[in-house]
Structure formats: structure tokens, C-alpha cells
Amino acid sequence: MAANDIKLYALTTCIHCRNTREYLDSCGLKYHCVEVDQLTGDERKAVLDEVRKLNPDCSFPTIQIGDKVVVGFRKEQIEEALKA
């Protein structure tokens, strides 16, 4: 799967986000990670709007895999989304 097919919205201070990054790395997957808490101003607002469209609770991590969305560090759901 191409990196542009997997997008991880994360926070640098979130252990679940860190676990998700480590899991994706251990699988050898390429992905685009957006560390939302490192953004400022309009860029941060725009990214938070993107996250809310995928996950209205705006919780982290939020992972977009193709047209599937996984909220939280859930290996089984990530694996299922990768198979789709």
C-alpha cells in the first residue's frame, strides 16, 4: 500500500499514537503522519476539520487507510482495513 493511502493523525504526547506509529513501522508500511499538536494557526484548524470529518469525536490516533477509518490503536481493525 502506498504512503498516500495511509494517513495517521497523531499527537506527539499520546502513547496510543506512538504505539500506532511503531506498529505501522514494524509492518514495514509507508504512511503519512500528521502530528496535529505541532501545527499552529490556520493549518492546525484545517487539519482538525479534516479529522472531525473522519472522526467526529476528534480523538487520536485517527488512521485513514484508503476509504476506511480506524480510531485508536486497534491492531485488528488496522489489519482488516489494510486487507480491504
Protein backbone atom coordinates (compact mmCIF):
# COMPACT_ATOMS: atom_id res chain seq x y z
CA MET A 1 0.00 0.00 0.00
CA ALA A 2 1.36 3.43 -0.92
CA ALA A 3 2.14 6.05 1.72
CA ASN A 4 -0.54 8.34 0.32
CA ASP A 5 -3.09 5.58 1.05
CA ILE A 6 -2.35 5.61 4.81
CA LYS A 7 -2.62 8.81 6.81
CA LEU A 8 -2.09 8.91 10.56
CA TYR A 9 -3.34 11.88 12.56
CA ALA A 10 -1.48 11.83 15.87
CA LEU A 11 -0.31 13.79 18.89
CA THR A 12 3.34 13.72 19.94
CA THR A 13 2.35 13.23 23.60
CA CYS A 14 -0.09 10.35 23.01
CA ILE A 15 1.10 6.81 23.91
CA HIS A 16 -1.57 5.23 21.67
CA CYS A 17 -0.33 7.35 18.77
CA ARG A 18 3.24 6.26 19.47
CA ASN A 19 2.14 2.60 19.60
CA THR A 20 0.33 3.03 16.28
CA ARG A 21 3.43 4.54 14.63
CA GLU A 22 5.59 1.71 16.00
CA TYR A 23 3.12 -0.90 14.75
CA LEU A 24 2.91 0.61 11.24
CA ASP A 25 6.72 0.83 11.16
CA SER A 26 7.08 -2.80 12.31
CA CYS A 27 4.80 -3.86 9.45
CA GLY A 28 7.09 -2.03 7.03
CA LEU A 29 4.24 0.21 5.90
CA LYS A 30 4.80 3.64 4.42
CA TYR A 31 2.38 6.27 5.71
CA HIS A 32 1.98 10.00 6.12
CA CYS A 33 1.90 11.13 9.76
CA VAL A 34 0.42 14.48 10.74
CA GLU A 35 1.38 15.49 14.28
CA VAL A 36 -1.55 17.76 14.96
CA ASP A 37 -0.18 19.27 18.17
CA GLN A 38 2.86 20.55 16.24
CA LEU A 39 0.70 22.60 13.87
CA THR A 40 -0.42 26.18 14.51
CA GLY A 41 -2.99 28.66 13.32
CA ASP A 42 -4.96 28.05 10.14
CA GLU A 43 -3.02 24.90 9.29
CA ARG A 44 -3.98 23.33 12.63
CA LYS A 45 -7.62 24.39 12.23
CA ALA A 46 -7.77 22.91 8.72
CA VAL A 47 -6.29 19.59 9.87
CA LEU A 48 -8.64 19.40 12.86
CA ASP A 49 -11.55 19.96 10.45
CA GLU A 50 -10.23 17.02 8.37
CA VAL A 51 -10.02 14.83 11.48
CA ARG A 52 -13.57 15.75 12.56
CA LYS A 53 -14.91 14.67 9.15
CA LEU A 54 -13.33 11.25 9.68
CA ASN A 55 -13.88 11.04 13.44
CA PRO A 56 -16.44 13.48 14.90
CA ASP A 57 -15.03 12.94 18.42
CA CYS A 58 -11.67 14.22 17.14
CA SER A 59 -9.77 11.66 19.21
CA PHE A 60 -6.30 10.35 18.49
CA PRO A 61 -4.88 8.44 16.82
CA THR A 62 -7.14 8.61 13.79
CA ILE A 63 -5.88 6.48 10.91
CA GLN A 64 -7.22 6.75 7.37
CA ILE A 65 -6.44 3.67 5.29
CA GLY A 66 -7.86 4.12 1.81
CA ASP A 67 -11.57 4.73 2.44
CA LYS A 68 -11.51 3.10 5.92
CA VAL A 69 -11.03 4.94 9.21
CA VAL A 70 -9.67 3.40 12.41
CA VAL A 71 -9.89 5.37 15.65
CA GLY A 72 -7.47 4.41 18.39
CA PHE A 73 -4.68 1.86 18.37
CA ARG A 74 -6.61 -1.22 17.25
CA LYS A 75 -4.33 -3.72 15.52
CA GLU A 76 -7.15 -5.96 14.30
CA GLN A 77 -9.05 -3.07 12.73
CA ILE A 78 -5.87 -1.74 11.13
CA GLU A 79 -5.13 -5.19 9.68
CA GLU A 80 -8.70 -5.51 8.34
CA ALA A 81 -8.53 -2.06 6.75
CA LEU A 82 -5.20 -2.95 5.11
CA LYS A 83 -6.75 -6.08 3.56
CA ALA A 84 -9.65 -4.14 2.02
